[in-house]
Amino acid sequence: MARTDHSFPAGSGSPAAAPAALRGRGAVTNVRHRFQRDDRVQVDDGWSGSGLPADFIDSVPDNFPSDASRVIPILPDTRQAPPAPKTTVTAEQARKMLSRNDSPDIPFEVAINPYRGCEHGCVYCYARPTHSYLGYSPGLDFETRLVAKANAVQALRAELSRPGYKPSPINIGSATDPYQPIERDWRLTRGLLELMLETRHPLTIVTKNGLVARDLDLLAALAEQKLVVVYMSITTLDAAMARTLEPRAAAPWRRLEAVRSLTDAGVPVGVLVAPIIPFINDESMEHILQESKAAGAHYASYTVLRLPWEVKTLFEDWLNAHFPDRAQRVLHRVEDMRNGRRNDPNFGSRMRGTGVWADLLRQRFAVATRKLGLNRHRLALDCSRFQPPAGAPRPAATDFPSPAGAQASSGVPFHGVSPAAGGAQGRMTRQLRAVAAGQLSLFD
């Protein structure tokens, strides 16, 4: 049984003050995000009960005066623990789907995420801080308050049909798992794959869910034309550890089973040992690579733990809740690989770390992949087959007219300007309308 070290005072970051772990959830609490101006803390003011168990409360003695104004009885605490947070999904209409990056650490330039948040609940997920942009906490909110981009396929179709679009391999799953449990009902990822097959567009997929095997028919058809590579993220082969690290992701053996199914169908598969966490799963690297190669994987990569923004607090609380005996040891080793900090955002070092321990991981990975025959060749996805989608629907321009009777100083009524008109053409249209209304001179 793990032993808690209380040699330092209880407080923020100490095992004694760590919140209790929640069954089926990765984060142990909601944390304040960096855009939040105020914070709310629950405080017991004593009015709801004594806070003491019923066994410790004595009844009022018989010899006490009967005057109720002179006696305040101590009542048993009948409060119950709050119910476990349930998963909710909200639909939204996305304005665009393609997000671009120029990071030298990432092997793709364009990405798609059909969902916001991820029910898998991986406590180490570097994408958790993105929930702050919605006003949600990167903690429990990230894995319980999900958002589905209901028009994902239509929005992407419109973007792929734009004149001058140049295809580049699109990654699906950079900030949220495209095969998380809600994909069974929403089927947005499958719709995107159907569009990719229709347009002959190359793509890569990153997931840690065996649900990817559901779309073998589409993936096999894409693979025949060298248009897809699937990367399965496997953090550990220990089922108990996986339930703690990533509580609602597929079990490790199911991920290996999906790798085998994809390989048998002719789909090229790689494995990501990501992230490697010191003293938690670092000893499993070679075993994961060995089992993945046996299942048919051709490629492999790894990253070390990243703790950007609020993830630092979430991960520390998780460590103190699940591994209080080694929490400080883990954090100190992370600092050893991050130049003395919990997180290193610099390109070139943020994915693999620096220092002696990072070099040791790099050497272990190189030896293991060489022995197993992984990464001997790289599949080049074919971008020459791309065909723009036929009959792609254009977004409807919605006019917002000015109030009835509103006129410019020249007496010419204002015209409604479409907010969808953007760029130079949109500015020119608005300027010409303003000139006609006497509001702007061509020489202004």
Protein backbone atom coordinates (compact mmCIF):
# COMPACT_ATOMS: atom_id res chain seq x y z
CA MET A 1 0.00 0.00 0.00
CA ALA A 2 1.29 3.47 -0.90
CA ARG A 3 2.58 5.48 2.04
CA THR A 4 1.99 9.21 2.22
CA ASP A 5 4.84 11.44 3.29
CA HIS A 6 3.59 14.23 5.56
CA SER A 7 7.03 15.58 6.37
CA PHE A 8 6.09 18.97 4.95
CA PRO A 9 3.07 21.09 5.93
CA ALA A 10 -0.25 20.45 4.24
CA GLY A 11 -1.11 23.01 1.62
CA SER A 12 -1.17 23.54 -2.11
CA GLY A 13 0.70 20.73 -3.79
CA SER A 14 0.99 18.48 -0.72
CA PRO A 15 -0.39 14.93 -0.60
CA ALA A 16 -2.38 15.76 2.55
CA ALA A 17 -4.29 18.49 0.71
CA ALA A 18 -4.81 16.58 -2.54
CA PRO A 19 -8.45 16.12 -3.63
CA ALA A 20 -9.83 12.60 -3.67
CA ALA A 21 -9.66 10.68 -6.94
CA LEU A 22 -12.89 10.30 -8.91
CA ARG A 23 -13.83 6.98 -10.41
CA GLY A 24 -13.77 7.04 -14.21
CA ARG A 25 -12.22 10.53 -14.41
CA GLY A 26 -8.65 11.65 -14.95
CA ALA A 27 -8.64 15.08 -13.33
CA VAL A 28 -9.49 15.14 -9.65
CA THR A 29 -10.98 18.62 -9.67
CA ASN A 30 -11.72 21.71 -11.72
CA VAL A 31 -8.95 24.28 -11.68
CA ARG A 32 -9.06 28.00 -12.24
CA HIS A 33 -8.05 28.82 -15.82
CA ARG A 34 -5.80 31.69 -16.80
CA PHE A 35 -8.62 33.86 -18.21
CA GLN A 36 -10.75 33.62 -15.08
CA ARG A 37 -10.95 36.79 -13.00
CA ASP A 38 -12.74 35.42 -9.96
CA ASP A 39 -12.86 32.13 -8.14
CA ARG A 40 -15.47 30.35 -6.02
CA VAL A 41 -14.65 28.14 -3.08
CA GLN A 42 -17.15 26.08 -1.13
CA VAL A 43 -17.07 26.86 2.58
CA ASP A 44 -19.06 25.20 5.35
CA ASP A 45 -20.56 27.96 7.51
CA GLY A 46 -21.95 25.47 10.04
CA TRP A 47 -25.60 26.07 9.32
CA SER A 48 -26.11 22.81 7.42
CA GLY A 49 -24.97 20.60 10.31
CA SER A 50 -22.20 20.04 12.74
CA GLY A 51 -19.92 18.35 10.25
CA LEU A 52 -19.45 15.49 12.73
CA PRO A 53 -20.47 11.88 12.14
CA ALA A 54 -23.62 10.76 13.92
CA ASP A 55 -21.63 8.38 16.12
CA PHE A 56 -19.83 11.30 17.75
CA ILE A 57 -22.97 13.23 18.63
CA ASP A 58 -24.62 12.77 22.03
CA SER A 59 -28.30 13.32 22.53
CA VAL A 60 -29.49 16.30 24.60
CA PRO A 61 -29.48 15.36 28.32
CA ASP A 62 -32.84 15.08 30.07
CA ASN A 63 -31.86 17.59 32.75
CA PHE A 64 -31.35 20.36 30.18
CA PRO A 65 -33.88 23.22 30.40
CA SER A 66 -36.84 22.78 28.11
CA ASP A 67 -36.63 26.36 26.88
CA ALA A 68 -35.68 25.97 23.20
CA SER A 69 -34.18 29.44 23.14
CA ARG A 70 -31.50 28.34 25.61
CA VAL A 71 -30.56 25.06 23.90
CA ILE A 72 -29.07 24.64 20.41
CA PRO A 73 -28.98 20.89 19.70
CA ILE A 74 -26.12 19.43 17.65
CA LEU A 75 -27.66 17.61 14.73
CA PRO A 76 -26.07 14.76 12.77
CA ASP A 77 -24.49 15.66 9.45
CA THR A 78 -26.88 14.34 6.80
CA ARG A 79 -25.08 15.89 3.84
CA GLN A 80 -24.11 13.58 0.99
CA ALA A 81 -21.14 13.68 -1.30
CA PRO A 82 -21.85 15.48 -4.59
CA PRO A 83 -22.77 13.15 -7.45
CA ALA A 84 -20.11 12.18 -9.97
CA PRO A 85 -20.00 14.63 -12.90
CA LYS A 86 -21.82 13.40 -15.98
CA THR A 87 -20.74 13.90 -19.57
CA THR A 88 -22.69 16.50 -21.54
CA VAL A 89 -22.34 17.29 -25.24
CA THR A 90 -23.22 20.64 -26.80
CA ALA A 91 -23.49 21.12 -30.56
CA GLU A 92 -21.95 24.12 -32.28
CA GLN A 93 -21.69 25.39 -35.85
CA ALA A 94 -18.03 25.72 -36.82
CA ARG A 95 -17.04 28.59 -39.08
CA LYS A 96 -13.99 26.67 -40.31
CA MET A 97 -12.30 23.36 -39.66
CA LEU A 98 -8.72 23.66 -40.89
CA SER A 99 -6.18 24.93 -38.37
CA ARG A 100 -2.60 25.53 -39.50
CA ASN A 101 0.71 25.57 -37.64
CA ASP A 102 4.33 26.19 -38.50
CA SER A 103 5.88 24.33 -35.57
CA PRO A 104 9.10 22.47 -36.45
CA ASP A 105 8.26 19.88 -33.76
CA ILE A 106 5.06 18.68 -35.45
CA PRO A 107 5.17 16.60 -38.65
CA PHE A 108 1.99 18.12 -40.12
CA GLU A 109 0.92 21.62 -41.10
CA VAL A 110 -2.86 21.27 -41.12
CA ALA A 111 -5.15 19.70 -38.52
CA ILE A 112 -8.85 19.03 -37.89
CA ASN A 113 -10.61 18.47 -34.57
CA PRO A 114 -14.30 17.51 -34.84
CA TYR A 115 -14.78 17.88 -31.06
CA ARG A 116 -13.73 20.20 -28.25
CA GLY A 117 -12.72 18.44 -25.07
CA CYS A 118 -12.14 14.72 -24.73
CA GLU A 119 -13.97 12.17 -22.60
CA HIS A 120 -10.92 9.91 -22.38
CA GLY A 121 -9.81 12.03 -19.42
CA CYS A 122 -6.03 11.66 -19.88
CA VAL A 123 -4.70 13.73 -17.01
CA TYR A 124 -1.49 14.62 -18.86
CA CYS A 125 -3.22 15.91 -22.02
CA TYR A 126 -1.45 19.01 -23.33
CA ALA A 127 -4.69 20.13 -25.03
CA ARG A 128 -6.57 20.68 -21.77
CA PRO A 129 -5.79 24.44 -21.64
CA THR A 130 -7.71 24.93 -24.92
CA HIS A 131 -10.95 24.57 -22.95
CA SER A 132 -10.14 27.88 -21.28
CA TYR A 133 -11.06 29.66 -24.51
CA LEU A 134 -14.65 28.47 -23.98
CA GLY A 135 -14.71 29.71 -20.39
CA TYR A 136 -14.51 26.14 -19.08
CA SER A 137 -11.97 24.66 -16.70
CA PRO A 138 -9.16 22.54 -18.16
CA GLY A 139 -9.88 20.08 -15.34
CA LEU A 140 -13.08 18.07 -15.09
CA ASP A 141 -14.83 20.37 -17.57
CA PHE A 142 -12.44 19.26 -20.32
CA GLU A 143 -13.61 15.66 -20.00
CA THR A 144 -17.25 16.24 -19.04
CA ARG A 145 -18.41 19.36 -20.92
CA LEU A 146 -17.79 18.41 -24.55
CA VAL A 147 -18.60 20.30 -27.73
CA ALA A 148 -19.36 18.62 -31.07
CA LYS A 149 -18.90 20.56 -34.31
CA ALA A 150 -22.14 19.38 -35.85
CA ASN A 151 -21.42 20.85 -39.29
CA ALA A 152 -17.82 19.61 -39.44
CA VAL A 153 -18.21 17.82 -42.78
CA GLN A 154 -20.05 20.69 -44.48
CA ALA A 155 -17.57 23.28 -43.21
CA LEU A 156 -14.58 21.24 -44.40
CA ARG A 157 -16.21 20.64 -47.77
CA ALA A 158 -16.54 24.38 -48.24
CA GLU A 159 -12.88 24.94 -47.36
CA LEU A 160 -11.61 22.22 -49.67
CA SER A 161 -13.61 23.71 -52.55
CA ARG A 162 -12.04 27.15 -52.32
CA PRO A 163 -10.14 28.26 -55.43
CA GLY A 164 -6.41 27.84 -55.07
CA TYR A 165 -6.59 25.33 -52.22
CA LYS A 166 -3.39 23.28 -52.10
CA PRO A 167 -3.63 19.86 -50.43
CA SER A 168 -1.33 18.91 -47.58
CA PRO A 169 -1.77 15.87 -45.29
CA ILE A 170 -4.43 16.74 -42.72
CA ASN A 171 -4.07 15.39 -39.20
CA ILE A 172 -7.27 14.39 -37.42
CA GLY A 173 -6.82 14.30 -33.66
CA SER A 174 -4.20 16.89 -32.74
CA ALA A 175 -6.12 18.42 -29.80
CA THR A 176 -8.91 15.92 -29.16
CA ASP A 177 -9.33 12.22 -29.88
CA PRO A 178 -11.53 11.79 -32.99
CA TYR A 179 -12.62 8.34 -31.73
CA GLN A 180 -13.57 9.24 -28.17
CA PRO A 181 -16.77 7.53 -26.91
CA ILE A 182 -19.21 10.17 -28.24
CA GLU A 183 -18.05 9.38 -31.79
CA ARG A 184 -20.21 6.25 -31.64
CA ASP A 185 -23.30 8.46 -31.76
CA TRP A 186 -22.13 11.59 -33.56
CA ARG A 187 -20.06 9.83 -36.28
CA LEU A 188 -18.38 13.10 -37.27
CA THR A 189 -15.00 11.45 -37.81
CA ARG A 190 -16.53 8.88 -40.13
CA GLY A 191 -18.16 11.68 -42.11
CA LEU A 192 -14.79 13.40 -42.46
CA LEU A 193 -13.22 10.16 -43.69
CA GLU A 194 -15.95 9.81 -46.30
CA LEU A 195 -15.14 13.32 -47.52
CA MET A 196 -11.42 12.52 -47.58
CA LEU A 197 -12.08 9.46 -49.71
CA GLU A 198 -14.37 11.40 -52.04
CA THR A 199 -11.76 14.11 -52.63
CA ARG A 200 -8.73 11.76 -52.53
CA HIS A 201 -7.20 13.91 -49.78
CA PRO A 202 -4.26 12.54 -47.72
CA LEU A 203 -4.58 12.43 -43.94
CA THR A 204 -3.16 11.04 -40.72
CA ILE A 205 -5.08 9.96 -37.62
CA VAL A 206 -3.94 9.94 -33.98
CA THR A 207 -6.09 8.04 -31.50
CA LYS A 208 -5.99 5.79 -28.45
CA ASN A 209 -9.33 4.13 -29.00
CA GLY A 210 -10.03 0.81 -30.67
CA LEU A 211 -13.14 2.38 -32.22
CA VAL A 212 -10.94 3.31 -35.19
CA ALA A 213 -11.36 -0.27 -36.43
CA ARG A 214 -15.04 0.49 -37.06
CA ASP A 215 -14.02 2.50 -40.13
CA LEU A 216 -11.84 -0.19 -41.69
CA ASP A 217 -13.81 -0.02 -44.94
CA LEU A 218 -12.94 3.65 -45.47
CA LEU A 219 -9.40 3.40 -44.13
CA ALA A 220 -8.58 0.42 -46.33
CA ALA A 221 -9.86 2.25 -49.41
CA LEU A 222 -7.73 5.29 -48.51
CA ALA A 223 -4.69 3.12 -47.85
CA GLU A 224 -4.91 1.56 -51.32
CA GLN A 225 -4.22 5.02 -52.74
CA LYS A 226 -1.51 5.92 -50.19
CA LEU A 227 -3.71 8.50 -48.52
CA VAL A 228 -3.70 7.54 -44.83
CA VAL A 229 -1.52 6.54 -41.88
CA VAL A 230 -3.02 5.73 -38.46
CA TYR A 231 -1.01 6.33 -35.28
CA MET A 232 -2.11 4.51 -32.14
CA SER A 233 -1.07 6.12 -28.86
CA ILE A 234 -0.12 3.50 -26.26
CA THR A 235 1.10 4.82 -22.92
CA THR A 236 1.25 1.57 -20.95
CA LEU A 237 0.38 -2.11 -21.22
CA ASP A 238 -0.73 -2.28 -17.58
CA ALA A 239 -4.54 -2.16 -17.52
CA ALA A 240 -4.65 -0.83 -13.93
CA MET A 241 -2.24 1.97 -14.78
CA ALA A 242 -4.21 2.79 -17.93
CA ARG A 243 -7.43 3.13 -15.91
CA THR A 244 -5.67 5.70 -13.76
CA LEU A 245 -3.85 7.61 -16.49
CA GLU A 246 -6.54 7.58 -19.17
CA PRO A 247 -9.72 6.24 -17.53
CA ARG A 248 -12.11 6.26 -20.51
CA ALA A 249 -9.70 5.37 -23.31
CA ALA A 250 -9.60 1.87 -24.75
CA ALA A 251 -7.72 -0.75 -22.75
CA PRO A 252 -4.15 -1.38 -23.96
CA TRP A 253 -4.99 -4.82 -25.35
CA ARG A 254 -7.84 -3.33 -27.37
CA ARG A 255 -5.48 -0.81 -28.91
CA LEU A 256 -3.08 -3.58 -29.91
CA GLU A 257 -6.02 -5.50 -31.32
CA ALA A 258 -6.96 -2.45 -33.41
CA VAL A 259 -3.36 -2.17 -34.66
CA ARG A 260 -3.53 -5.81 -35.77
CA SER A 261 -6.90 -5.32 -37.50
CA LEU A 262 -5.71 -2.21 -39.36
CA THR A 263 -2.49 -3.89 -40.45
CA ASP A 264 -4.33 -6.97 -41.71
CA ALA A 265 -6.56 -4.66 -43.79
CA GLY A 266 -3.53 -3.03 -45.40
CA VAL A 267 -3.61 0.22 -43.45
CA PRO A 268 -0.14 1.47 -42.41
CA VAL A 269 0.04 1.90 -38.65
CA GLY A 270 2.48 3.62 -36.30
CA VAL A 271 2.62 3.63 -32.53
CA LEU A 272 3.19 6.63 -30.27
CA VAL A 273 4.69 5.98 -26.84
CA ALA A 274 3.41 9.28 -25.58
CA PRO A 275 3.91 10.72 -23.15
CA ILE A 276 6.71 9.09 -21.21
CA ILE A 277 6.32 9.98 -17.51
CA PRO A 278 9.30 9.37 -15.22
CA PHE A 279 8.72 6.65 -12.58
CA ILE A 280 5.18 6.09 -13.91
CA ASN A 281 5.49 4.43 -17.33
CA ASP A 282 9.06 5.04 -18.50
CA GLU A 283 10.10 1.43 -17.87
CA SER A 284 7.44 0.22 -20.35
CA MET A 285 8.90 1.79 -23.49
CA GLU A 286 10.64 -1.29 -24.89
CA HIS A 287 7.74 -3.59 -24.01
CA ILE A 288 5.23 -1.34 -25.77
CA LEU A 289 7.40 -1.18 -28.90
CA GLN A 290 7.85 -4.94 -28.91
CA GLU A 291 4.13 -5.70 -28.61
CA SER A 292 3.26 -3.05 -31.19
CA LYS A 293 5.71 -4.51 -33.69
CA ALA A 294 4.24 -7.97 -33.09
CA ALA A 295 0.78 -6.53 -33.84
CA GLY A 296 2.03 -5.15 -37.18
CA ALA A 297 3.11 -1.55 -36.53
CA HIS A 298 5.71 -0.16 -38.96
CA TYR A 299 6.52 3.19 -37.36
CA ALA A 300 7.13 4.48 -33.84
CA SER A 301 7.75 7.73 -32.03
CA TYR A 302 7.71 9.08 -28.47
CA THR A 303 7.39 12.28 -26.48
CA VAL A 304 8.11 13.15 -22.88
CA LEU A 305 5.56 14.63 -20.50
CA ARG A 306 4.54 18.23 -21.20
CA LEU A 307 2.93 20.39 -18.50
CA PRO A 308 1.77 23.65 -20.12
CA TRP A 309 -0.38 26.19 -18.31
CA GLU A 310 -3.00 24.59 -16.04
CA VAL A 311 -1.83 21.04 -16.78
CA LYS A 312 0.94 21.57 -14.20
CA THR A 313 -1.57 21.94 -11.37
CA LEU A 314 -3.83 19.16 -12.62
CA PHE A 315 -0.99 16.68 -12.95
CA GLU A 316 0.43 17.52 -9.54
CA ASP A 317 -2.99 17.01 -7.91
CA TRP A 318 -3.34 13.70 -9.77
CA LEU A 319 0.08 12.55 -8.57
CA ASN A 320 -0.70 13.39 -4.97
CA ALA A 321 -4.05 11.59 -5.19
CA HIS A 322 -2.80 8.39 -6.87
CA PHE A 323 0.95 8.19 -6.21
CA PRO A 324 1.71 10.25 -3.09
CA ASP A 325 4.77 8.11 -2.35
CA ARG A 326 6.57 9.20 -5.52
CA ALA A 327 4.93 12.52 -6.45
CA GLN A 328 7.88 14.76 -5.62
CA ARG A 329 10.31 12.34 -7.22
CA VAL A 330 8.37 12.43 -10.49
CA LEU A 331 8.17 16.22 -10.53
CA HIS A 332 11.88 16.62 -9.80
CA ARG A 333 12.77 14.30 -12.66
CA VAL A 334 10.52 16.31 -14.97
CA GLU A 335 12.42 19.42 -13.91
CA ASP A 336 15.70 17.65 -14.68
CA MET A 337 14.51 17.16 -18.27
CA ARG A 338 13.09 20.69 -18.57
CA ASN A 339 16.05 22.84 -17.56
CA GLY A 340 14.83 23.15 -13.99
CA ARG A 341 11.22 24.00 -14.90
CA ARG A 342 8.02 22.02 -15.00
CA ASN A 343 7.46 22.94 -18.65
CA ASP A 344 9.70 23.89 -21.55
CA PRO A 345 7.79 25.56 -24.43
CA ASN A 346 10.82 25.98 -26.70
CA PHE A 347 10.85 24.41 -30.15
CA GLY A 348 13.38 21.63 -30.52
CA SER A 349 13.30 20.56 -26.87
CA ARG A 350 9.66 20.63 -25.73
CA MET A 351 8.84 17.20 -27.18
CA ARG A 352 11.94 15.22 -26.12
CA GLY A 353 13.45 17.16 -23.22
CA THR A 354 17.09 17.95 -22.49
CA GLY A 355 19.77 16.70 -20.15
CA VAL A 356 21.11 13.32 -19.12
CA TRP A 357 17.77 11.62 -18.55
CA ALA A 358 16.36 12.82 -21.87
CA ASP A 359 19.47 11.52 -23.63
CA LEU A 360 19.00 8.15 -21.94
CA LEU A 361 15.42 7.90 -23.22
CA ARG A 362 16.58 8.85 -26.69
CA GLN A 363 19.21 6.12 -26.69
CA ARG A 364 16.79 3.50 -25.36
CA PHE A 365 14.28 4.36 -28.08
CA ALA A 366 16.90 4.25 -30.83
CA VAL A 367 18.20 0.83 -29.73
CA ALA A 368 14.71 -0.65 -29.40
CA THR A 369 13.47 0.55 -32.79
CA ARG A 370 16.65 -0.63 -34.50
CA LYS A 371 16.36 -4.12 -33.02
CA LEU A 372 12.67 -4.39 -33.88
CA GLY A 373 13.03 -3.04 -37.40
CA LEU A 374 10.75 -0.04 -36.86
CA ASN A 375 11.07 3.22 -38.81
CA ARG A 376 13.10 1.60 -41.59
CA HIS A 377 11.09 3.53 -44.15
CA ARG A 378 8.54 6.30 -44.17
CA LEU A 379 5.36 6.20 -46.23
CA ALA A 380 5.00 9.31 -48.37
CA LEU A 381 1.33 10.23 -48.66
CA ASP A 382 0.17 11.09 -52.18
CA CYS A 383 -1.10 14.66 -52.55
CA SER A 384 -1.40 14.50 -56.35
CA ARG A 385 -4.74 12.63 -56.31
CA PHE A 386 -6.72 15.46 -54.74
CA GLN A 387 -9.99 16.38 -56.45
CA PRO A 388 -12.01 19.36 -55.22
CA PRO A 389 -15.44 18.31 -53.97
CA ALA A 390 -18.16 18.62 -56.58
CA GLY A 391 -21.13 20.78 -55.81
CA ALA A 392 -19.80 22.00 -52.47
CA PRO A 393 -22.39 24.15 -50.69
CA ARG A 394 -21.38 27.74 -50.20
CA PRO A 395 -22.08 29.39 -46.84
CA ALA A 396 -25.20 31.49 -47.13
CA ALA A 397 -24.61 35.23 -46.73
CA THR A 398 -26.86 36.48 -43.97
CA ASP A 399 -27.84 40.14 -44.24
CA PHE A 400 -28.45 42.20 -41.13
CA PRO A 401 -30.33 45.30 -42.37
CA SER A 402 -30.20 48.56 -40.53
CA PRO A 403 -33.27 49.71 -38.59
CA ALA A 404 -36.20 50.68 -40.79
CA GLY A 405 -36.10 54.29 -41.98
CA ALA A 406 -32.42 54.84 -41.11
CA GLN A 407 -30.77 57.15 -43.65
CA ALA A 408 -27.40 58.74 -44.26
CA SER A 409 -26.93 62.50 -44.24
CA SER A 410 -27.39 62.50 -48.03
CA GLY A 411 -30.85 60.96 -47.68
CA VAL A 412 -29.78 57.59 -49.17
CA PRO A 413 -30.95 54.63 -47.04
CA PHE A 414 -28.30 52.43 -45.43
CA HIS A 415 -27.79 49.05 -47.02
CA GLY A 416 -27.44 45.83 -45.08
CA VAL A 417 -23.85 44.61 -45.06
CA SER A 418 -23.19 40.91 -44.91
CA PRO A 419 -20.84 40.00 -42.04
CA ALA A 420 -19.71 37.00 -44.11
CA ALA A 421 -17.98 39.36 -46.57
CA GLY A 422 -14.39 39.51 -45.49
CA GLY A 423 -10.97 40.34 -46.85
CA ALA A 424 -10.23 42.96 -49.50
CA GLN A 425 -13.41 42.24 -51.45
CA GLY A 426 -15.56 42.71 -48.38
CA ARG A 427 -13.85 45.97 -47.46
CA MET A 428 -14.23 47.30 -51.00
CA THR A 429 -17.93 46.45 -51.04
CA ARG A 430 -18.52 48.25 -47.76
CA GLN A 431 -16.55 51.28 -48.93
CA LEU A 432 -18.49 51.54 -52.21
CA ARG A 433 -21.78 51.35 -50.32
CA ALA A 434 -20.59 54.07 -47.97
CA VAL A 435 -19.59 56.27 -50.92
CA ALA A 436 -23.05 55.84 -52.43
CA ALA A 437 -24.59 56.89 -49.14
CA GLY A 438 -22.40 59.98 -48.91
CA GLN A 439 -20.59 58.70 -45.84
CA LEU A 440 -17.13 58.24 -47.37
CA SER A 441 -15.12 59.90 -50.04
CA LEU A 442 -13.00 57.89 -52.45
CA PHE A 443 -10.10 60.09 -51.40
CA ASP A 444 -10.40 59.28 -47.64
